[in-house]
Amino acid sequence: MRTTLTIDPDVEQLLLREMRRTNSGMKAVVNDALRAGLGIRGKKRAVPRYKVEPHAFGVRPGIDPYRLNQLADELEAAEFIRRQDN
């Protein structure tokens, strides 16, 4: 929302001091001051809950998808042994 405000000289000095202190623009300082004055600073906004969507990976029963690296190592070792016997 755009609006025009008439700011008293003492408030202007406070705003300028806060702008220098925080290295922020007037818009940010005024909005923060209004939030604090209206009692809404620091209140968390409602964040929508994260929903987990399950996915079927098509892994056969008995195969643990978290141990696929171990399975790959076992298959590689078996292939190495097979080649050594030939």
C-alpha atoms as a PDB file:
ATOM      1  CA  MET A   1       0.000   0.000   0.000  1.00  0.00           C
ATOM      2  CA  ARG A   2       1.294   3.441  -0.838  1.00  0.00           C
ATOM      3  CA  THR A   3       0.500   6.376   1.387  1.00  0.00           C
ATOM      4  CA  THR A   4       1.888   9.732   2.374  1.00  0.00           C
ATOM      5  CA  LEU A   5       2.835  10.321   5.993  1.00  0.00           C
ATOM      6  CA  THR A   6       3.753  13.498   7.771  1.00  0.00           C
ATOM      7  CA  ILE A   7       6.517  12.562  10.181  1.00  0.00           C
ATOM      8  CA  ASP A   8       7.294  14.739  13.158  1.00  0.00           C
ATOM      9  CA  PRO A   9      10.900  16.049  13.332  1.00  0.00           C
ATOM     10  CA  ASP A  10      11.768  14.008  16.445  1.00  0.00           C
ATOM     11  CA  VAL A  11      10.486  10.786  14.807  1.00  0.00           C
ATOM     12  CA  GLU A  12      12.412  11.661  11.649  1.00  0.00           C
ATOM     13  CA  GLN A  13      15.632  11.859  13.658  1.00  0.00           C
ATOM     14  CA  LEU A  14      14.880   8.485  15.249  1.00  0.00           C
ATOM     15  CA  LEU A  15      14.195   6.959  11.829  1.00  0.00           C
ATOM     16  CA  LEU A  16      17.409   8.371  10.374  1.00  0.00           C
ATOM     17  CA  ARG A  17      19.404   7.088  13.344  1.00  0.00           C
ATOM     18  CA  GLU A  18      17.853   3.613  12.977  1.00  0.00           C
ATOM     19  CA  MET A  19      18.522   3.628   9.233  1.00  0.00           C
ATOM     20  CA  ARG A  20      22.205   4.353   9.870  1.00  0.00           C
ATOM     21  CA  ARG A  21      22.400   1.793  12.692  1.00  0.00           C
ATOM     22  CA  THR A  22      20.851  -1.047  10.687  1.00  0.00           C
ATOM     23  CA  ASN A  23      22.100   0.074   7.281  1.00  0.00           C
ATOM     24  CA  SER A  24      18.508  -0.284   6.043  1.00  0.00           C
ATOM     25  CA  GLY A  25      16.250   1.869   3.956  1.00  0.00           C
ATOM     26  CA  MET A  26      13.416   3.991   5.276  1.00  0.00           C
ATOM     27  CA  LYS A  27      10.788   1.547   4.039  1.00  0.00           C
ATOM     28  CA  ALA A  28      12.270  -1.347   6.036  1.00  0.00           C
ATOM     29  CA  VAL A  29      12.757   0.751   9.183  1.00  0.00           C
ATOM     30  CA  VAL A  30       9.229   2.176   9.070  1.00  0.00           C
ATOM     31  CA  ASN A  31       7.688  -1.257   8.449  1.00  0.00           C
ATOM     32  CA  ASP A  32       9.678  -2.800  11.337  1.00  0.00           C
ATOM     33  CA  ALA A  33       8.683   0.052  13.637  1.00  0.00           C
ATOM     34  CA  LEU A  34       5.028  -0.322  12.683  1.00  0.00           C
ATOM     35  CA  ARG A  35       5.159  -4.092  13.245  1.00  0.00           C
ATOM     36  CA  ALA A  36       6.732  -3.564  16.655  1.00  0.00           C
ATOM     37  CA  GLY A  37       4.208  -0.881  17.545  1.00  0.00           C
ATOM     38  CA  LEU A  38       1.288  -3.010  16.440  1.00  0.00           C
ATOM     39  CA  GLY A  39       2.592  -5.970  18.437  1.00  0.00           C
ATOM     40  CA  ILE A  40       3.219  -8.325  15.535  1.00  0.00           C
ATOM     41  CA  ARG A  41       7.019  -8.345  15.454  1.00  0.00           C
ATOM     42  CA  GLY A  42       8.480 -11.721  16.208  1.00  0.00           C
ATOM     43  CA  LYS A  43       5.238 -13.633  15.746  1.00  0.00           C
ATOM     44  CA  LYS A  44       5.677 -16.531  13.414  1.00  0.00           C
ATOM     45  CA  ARG A  45       3.526 -16.687  10.358  1.00  0.00           C
ATOM     46  CA  ALA A  46       1.535 -19.848   9.813  1.00  0.00           C
ATOM     47  CA  VAL A  47       3.594 -22.094   7.570  1.00  0.00           C
ATOM     48  CA  PRO A  48       1.711 -24.781   5.704  1.00  0.00           C
ATOM     49  CA  ARG A  49       2.595 -28.277   6.816  1.00  0.00           C
ATOM     50  CA  TYR A  50       4.938 -30.197   4.558  1.00  0.00           C
ATOM     51  CA  LYS A  51       3.217 -33.190   3.039  1.00  0.00           C
ATOM     52  CA  VAL A  52       5.244 -36.283   2.193  1.00  0.00           C
ATOM     53  CA  GLU A  53       4.142 -38.009  -0.965  1.00  0.00           C
ATOM     54  CA  PRO A  54       5.168 -41.697  -0.868  1.00  0.00           C
ATOM     55  CA  HIS A  55       6.552 -43.205  -4.042  1.00  0.00           C
ATOM     56  CA  ALA A  56       6.732 -46.877  -4.986  1.00  0.00           C
ATOM     57  CA  PHE A  57      10.283 -47.540  -6.183  1.00  0.00           C
ATOM     58  CA  GLY A  58       9.502 -51.005  -7.470  1.00  0.00           C
ATOM     59  CA  VAL A  59      12.219 -52.709  -5.402  1.00  0.00           C
ATOM     60  CA  ARG A  60      11.636 -56.442  -4.967  1.00  0.00           C
ATOM     61  CA  PRO A  61      10.815 -57.764  -1.496  1.00  0.00           C
ATOM     62  CA  GLY A  62      13.932 -58.687   0.469  1.00  0.00           C
ATOM     63  CA  ILE A  63      16.103 -55.980  -1.114  1.00  0.00           C
ATOM     64  CA  ASP A  64      16.838 -53.096   1.216  1.00  0.00           C
ATOM     65  CA  PRO A  65      17.078 -49.940  -0.917  1.00  0.00           C
ATOM     66  CA  TYR A  66      19.355 -48.386   1.719  1.00  0.00           C
ATOM     67  CA  ARG A  67      21.927 -51.142   1.175  1.00  0.00           C
ATOM     68  CA  LEU A  68      22.099 -51.126  -2.610  1.00  0.00           C
ATOM     69  CA  ASN A  69      25.792 -50.175  -2.527  1.00  0.00           C
ATOM     70  CA  GLN A  70      26.511 -53.305  -0.496  1.00  0.00           C
ATOM     71  CA  LEU A  71      24.579 -55.395  -3.041  1.00  0.00           C
ATOM     72  CA  ALA A  72      26.590 -53.818  -5.886  1.00  0.00           C
ATOM     73  CA  ASP A  73      29.851 -54.632  -4.053  1.00  0.00           C
ATOM     74  CA  GLU A  74      28.771 -58.251  -3.510  1.00  0.00           C
ATOM     75  CA  LEU A  75      27.834 -58.656  -7.179  1.00  0.00           C
ATOM     76  CA  GLU A  76      31.151 -57.121  -8.259  1.00  0.00           C
ATOM     77  CA  ALA A  77      33.097 -59.455  -5.938  1.00  0.00           C
ATOM     78  CA  ALA A  78      31.187 -62.493  -7.243  1.00  0.00           C
ATOM     79  CA  GLU A  79      31.952 -61.471 -10.843  1.00  0.00           C
ATOM     80  CA  PHE A  80      35.654 -61.004  -9.971  1.00  0.00           C
ATOM     81  CA  ILE A  81      35.810 -64.491  -8.411  1.00  0.00           C
ATOM     82  CA  ARG A  82      34.009 -66.003 -11.413  1.00  0.00           C
ATOM     83  CA  ARG A  83      36.588 -64.458 -13.754  1.00  0.00           C
ATOM     84  CA  GLN A  84      39.490 -65.720 -11.646  1.00  0.00           C
ATOM     85  CA  ASP A  85      38.173 -69.312 -11.836  1.00  0.00           C
ATOM     86  CA  ASN A  86      38.053 -69.220 -15.664  1.00  0.00           C
END
